[in-house]
Amino acid sequence: MYHIKQDQRSVESKIRLYDALSKKMREKTFQSVTIKEVVDSALVGRSTFYRNFDNLEDVLIWKCDDTFHDLYHNILQSISPQTVPTGTGKFPFILPFFRYWHADSEIIELLVEANRLDVIFAAFEDTMKKLVRMLPPAMMNRSPHLDYFLAFRSGAVIRVLLQWIKNHKNVTPEEMYKFFEMQSEGLKLHT
């Protein structure tokens, strides 16, 4: 578990530790990286590491939570009435979502390498719950099984995100949006 401290020194230490871990994971597997290597690379003491984290997975979890928190605010800003572009009707958050990850998907890639997809799913689920709380009450009342709907959509969005990253983001965020539109219409069989 990581320790929530927001003072400037603690935040800077966390960033340095994450950057060092990220660098080490480009050199070798997550399982073979040691706390000593990360601490030495970050130029901080072991006590600084343990003041902020219990283990190396916590570094990734902290960064994932921090990144999804940033994504949440990015999506809110993108879907505000003043900034919603035309043509984003059914899925207003999909385009800003893929644009965000197109710019920087490092934490997702590191969590995949560390075999911690559960962290990605949990962070996305928390983000979706916060976004849903922003919906008008009337909309939430019309959906008696909103929890199933969110579970279905969350699973699909994250799996598509992971495949897109695995494919080296070979299509644009705009093309990803079109893909989601097509999927919502269902498969149309060619005869």
Protein backbone atom coordinates (compact mmCIF):
# COMPACT_ATOMS: atom_id res chain seq x y z
CA MET A 1 0.00 0.00 0.00
CA TYR A 2 1.26 3.45 -0.76
CA HIS A 3 1.07 6.20 1.80
CA ILE A 4 -0.93 9.29 0.94
CA LYS A 5 1.23 12.31 1.62
CA GLN A 6 0.77 15.40 -0.47
CA ASP A 7 3.60 17.59 0.77
CA GLN A 8 5.89 18.72 -2.05
CA ARG A 9 8.90 16.71 -0.89
CA SER A 10 6.91 13.49 -0.67
CA VAL A 11 5.36 14.01 -4.11
CA GLU A 12 8.78 14.73 -5.63
CA SER A 13 10.18 11.57 -4.03
CA LYS A 14 7.33 9.49 -5.41
CA ILE A 15 7.88 10.89 -8.89
CA ARG A 16 11.62 10.17 -8.70
CA LEU A 17 10.97 6.61 -7.50
CA TYR A 18 8.42 6.02 -10.26
CA ASP A 19 10.77 7.40 -12.91
CA ALA A 20 13.57 5.18 -11.63
CA LEU A 21 11.33 2.09 -11.62
CA SER A 22 10.09 2.91 -15.11
CA LYS A 23 13.66 3.19 -16.35
CA LYS A 24 14.64 -0.12 -14.72
CA MET A 25 11.62 -1.85 -16.25
CA ARG A 26 12.83 -0.82 -19.70
CA GLU A 27 16.09 -2.60 -18.92
CA LYS A 28 14.74 -5.77 -17.29
CA THR A 29 11.58 -7.50 -16.11
CA PHE A 30 9.58 -6.11 -13.23
CA GLN A 31 10.15 -9.26 -11.21
CA SER A 32 13.93 -8.84 -11.40
CA VAL A 33 14.01 -5.17 -10.36
CA THR A 34 15.00 -4.60 -6.73
CA ILE A 35 14.12 -1.80 -4.34
CA LYS A 36 17.86 -1.11 -3.94
CA GLU A 37 18.24 -0.55 -7.70
CA VAL A 38 15.27 1.82 -7.77
CA VAL A 39 16.41 3.76 -4.71
CA ASP A 40 19.95 4.08 -6.07
CA SER A 41 18.69 5.22 -9.47
CA ALA A 42 16.27 7.73 -7.88
CA LEU A 43 19.06 9.08 -5.64
CA VAL A 44 16.94 8.71 -2.50
CA GLY A 45 17.42 6.66 0.64
CA ARG A 46 15.65 3.41 1.49
CA SER A 47 13.85 5.19 4.32
CA THR A 48 12.35 7.59 1.75
CA PHE A 49 11.11 4.62 -0.25
CA TYR A 50 9.49 2.99 2.79
CA ARG A 51 8.03 6.29 3.97
CA ASN A 52 6.04 6.34 0.72
CA PHE A 53 5.62 2.71 -0.37
CA ASP A 54 5.65 -0.80 1.05
CA ASN A 55 6.91 -2.49 -2.14
CA LEU A 56 7.61 -1.85 -5.83
CA GLU A 57 4.06 -2.74 -6.89
CA ASP A 58 2.86 0.15 -4.74
CA VAL A 59 4.88 2.54 -6.89
CA LEU A 60 2.97 1.37 -9.97
CA ILE A 61 -0.38 1.45 -8.15
CA TRP A 62 0.27 5.00 -6.92
CA LYS A 63 1.17 6.17 -10.43
CA CYS A 64 -1.87 4.42 -11.90
CA ASP A 65 -4.20 6.04 -9.36
CA ASP A 66 -2.56 9.42 -9.93
CA THR A 67 -2.85 9.06 -13.71
CA PHE A 68 -6.50 7.97 -13.62
CA HIS A 69 -7.23 10.92 -11.31
CA ASP A 70 -5.73 13.18 -13.97
CA LEU A 71 -7.69 11.35 -16.68
CA TYR A 72 -10.92 11.93 -14.74
CA HIS A 73 -10.33 15.69 -14.66
CA ASN A 74 -9.30 15.67 -18.30
CA ILE A 75 -12.53 13.91 -19.29
CA LEU A 76 -14.64 16.28 -17.15
CA GLN A 77 -13.05 19.24 -18.86
CA SER A 78 -13.51 17.63 -22.29
CA ILE A 79 -17.20 16.86 -21.83
CA SER A 80 -18.23 20.12 -20.22
CA PRO A 81 -21.01 21.88 -22.16
CA GLN A 82 -18.56 24.56 -23.28
CA THR A 83 -16.09 22.11 -24.82
CA VAL A 84 -18.09 19.14 -26.14
CA PRO A 85 -17.40 18.91 -29.87
CA THR A 86 -20.23 18.04 -32.18
CA GLY A 87 -20.36 14.43 -33.21
CA THR A 88 -19.56 12.92 -29.79
CA GLY A 89 -23.18 12.09 -28.97
CA LYS A 90 -23.36 8.55 -27.61
CA PHE A 91 -19.85 8.31 -26.19
CA PRO A 92 -18.67 11.74 -25.11
CA PHE A 93 -15.86 10.35 -22.96
CA ILE A 94 -14.38 7.90 -25.50
CA LEU A 95 -12.52 10.43 -27.64
CA PRO A 96 -10.86 12.27 -24.71
CA PHE A 97 -10.12 8.87 -23.14
CA PHE A 98 -8.18 7.60 -26.17
CA ARG A 99 -6.56 10.96 -26.80
CA TYR A 100 -5.29 10.92 -23.23
CA TRP A 101 -3.73 7.46 -23.55
CA HIS A 102 -2.45 8.23 -27.04
CA ALA A 103 -0.32 10.97 -25.50
CA ASP A 104 1.12 8.75 -22.75
CA SER A 105 0.30 5.13 -21.99
CA GLU A 106 3.48 4.28 -20.09
CA ILE A 107 1.77 3.34 -16.80
CA ILE A 108 -0.60 0.98 -18.62
CA GLU A 109 2.34 -0.65 -20.39
CA LEU A 110 4.27 -1.04 -17.12
CA LEU A 111 1.28 -2.57 -15.34
CA VAL A 112 0.84 -5.05 -18.21
CA GLU A 113 4.54 -5.94 -17.90
CA ALA A 114 4.11 -6.39 -14.13
CA ASN A 115 1.06 -8.61 -14.77
CA ARG A 116 -1.22 -6.28 -12.79
CA LEU A 117 -4.21 -5.77 -15.09
CA ASP A 118 -6.37 -5.80 -11.96
CA VAL A 119 -4.91 -2.42 -11.01
CA ILE A 120 -5.92 -0.95 -14.37
CA PHE A 121 -9.45 -2.35 -14.12
CA ALA A 122 -9.86 -1.10 -10.53
CA ALA A 123 -8.63 2.40 -11.38
CA PHE A 124 -10.92 2.60 -14.41
CA GLU A 125 -13.89 1.34 -12.39
CA ASP A 126 -13.28 4.02 -9.75
CA THR A 127 -13.04 6.66 -12.46
CA MET A 128 -16.27 5.49 -14.07
CA LYS A 129 -18.08 5.58 -10.71
CA LYS A 130 -16.97 9.20 -10.23
CA LEU A 131 -18.11 10.09 -13.75
CA VAL A 132 -21.48 8.39 -13.22
CA ARG A 133 -22.04 10.46 -10.08
CA MET A 134 -21.93 13.47 -12.39
CA LEU A 135 -24.94 12.18 -14.38
CA PRO A 136 -28.32 13.79 -13.84
CA PRO A 137 -30.42 11.80 -11.31
CA ALA A 138 -33.15 11.25 -13.91
CA MET A 139 -30.72 9.40 -16.15
CA MET A 140 -29.56 7.20 -13.29
CA ASN A 141 -33.15 6.39 -12.33
CA ARG A 142 -33.91 5.23 -15.90
CA SER A 143 -31.20 2.59 -15.64
CA PRO A 144 -32.22 0.03 -13.01
CA HIS A 145 -29.22 -2.15 -13.89
CA LEU A 146 -26.64 0.59 -14.23
CA ASP A 147 -24.08 -1.52 -12.36
CA TYR A 148 -24.23 -4.26 -15.04
CA PHE A 149 -24.11 -1.72 -17.81
CA LEU A 150 -21.01 -0.11 -16.28
CA ALA A 151 -19.31 -3.46 -15.70
CA PHE A 152 -19.92 -4.44 -19.32
CA ARG A 153 -18.75 -1.14 -20.75
CA SER A 154 -15.76 -0.87 -18.41
CA GLY A 155 -14.52 -4.33 -19.30
CA ALA A 156 -14.93 -3.66 -23.00
CA VAL A 157 -13.24 -0.25 -22.93
CA ILE A 158 -10.21 -1.48 -20.98
CA ARG A 159 -9.79 -4.58 -23.14
CA VAL A 160 -9.94 -2.43 -26.28
CA LEU A 161 -7.45 0.01 -24.72
CA LEU A 162 -5.05 -2.84 -23.94
CA GLN A 163 -5.33 -4.24 -27.47
CA TRP A 164 -4.81 -0.79 -28.97
CA ILE A 165 -1.66 -0.29 -26.90
CA LYS A 166 -0.47 -3.81 -27.80
CA ASN A 167 -0.96 -2.81 -31.45
CA HIS A 168 1.25 0.24 -30.81
CA LYS A 169 -1.74 2.60 -31.10
CA ASN A 170 -1.87 1.89 -34.82
CA VAL A 171 -5.10 3.87 -35.31
CA THR A 172 -5.95 7.38 -34.18
CA PRO A 173 -8.19 8.19 -31.21
CA GLU A 174 -10.74 9.46 -33.74
CA GLU A 175 -10.75 6.05 -35.45
CA MET A 176 -11.18 4.40 -32.04
CA TYR A 177 -14.23 6.59 -31.47
CA LYS A 178 -15.69 5.45 -34.81
CA PHE A 179 -15.02 1.85 -33.80
CA PHE A 180 -17.08 2.35 -30.63
CA GLU A 181 -19.89 3.89 -32.65
CA MET A 182 -19.90 0.91 -35.01
CA GLN A 183 -19.91 -1.54 -32.09
CA SER A 184 -22.89 0.18 -30.53
CA GLU A 185 -24.85 -0.40 -33.71
CA GLY A 186 -24.08 -4.10 -33.58
CA LEU A 187 -22.54 -6.35 -36.15
CA LYS A 188 -24.02 -6.04 -39.59
CA LEU A 189 -23.58 -9.20 -41.58
CA HIS A 190 -22.74 -8.80 -45.24
CA THR A 191 -24.83 -11.02 -47.48
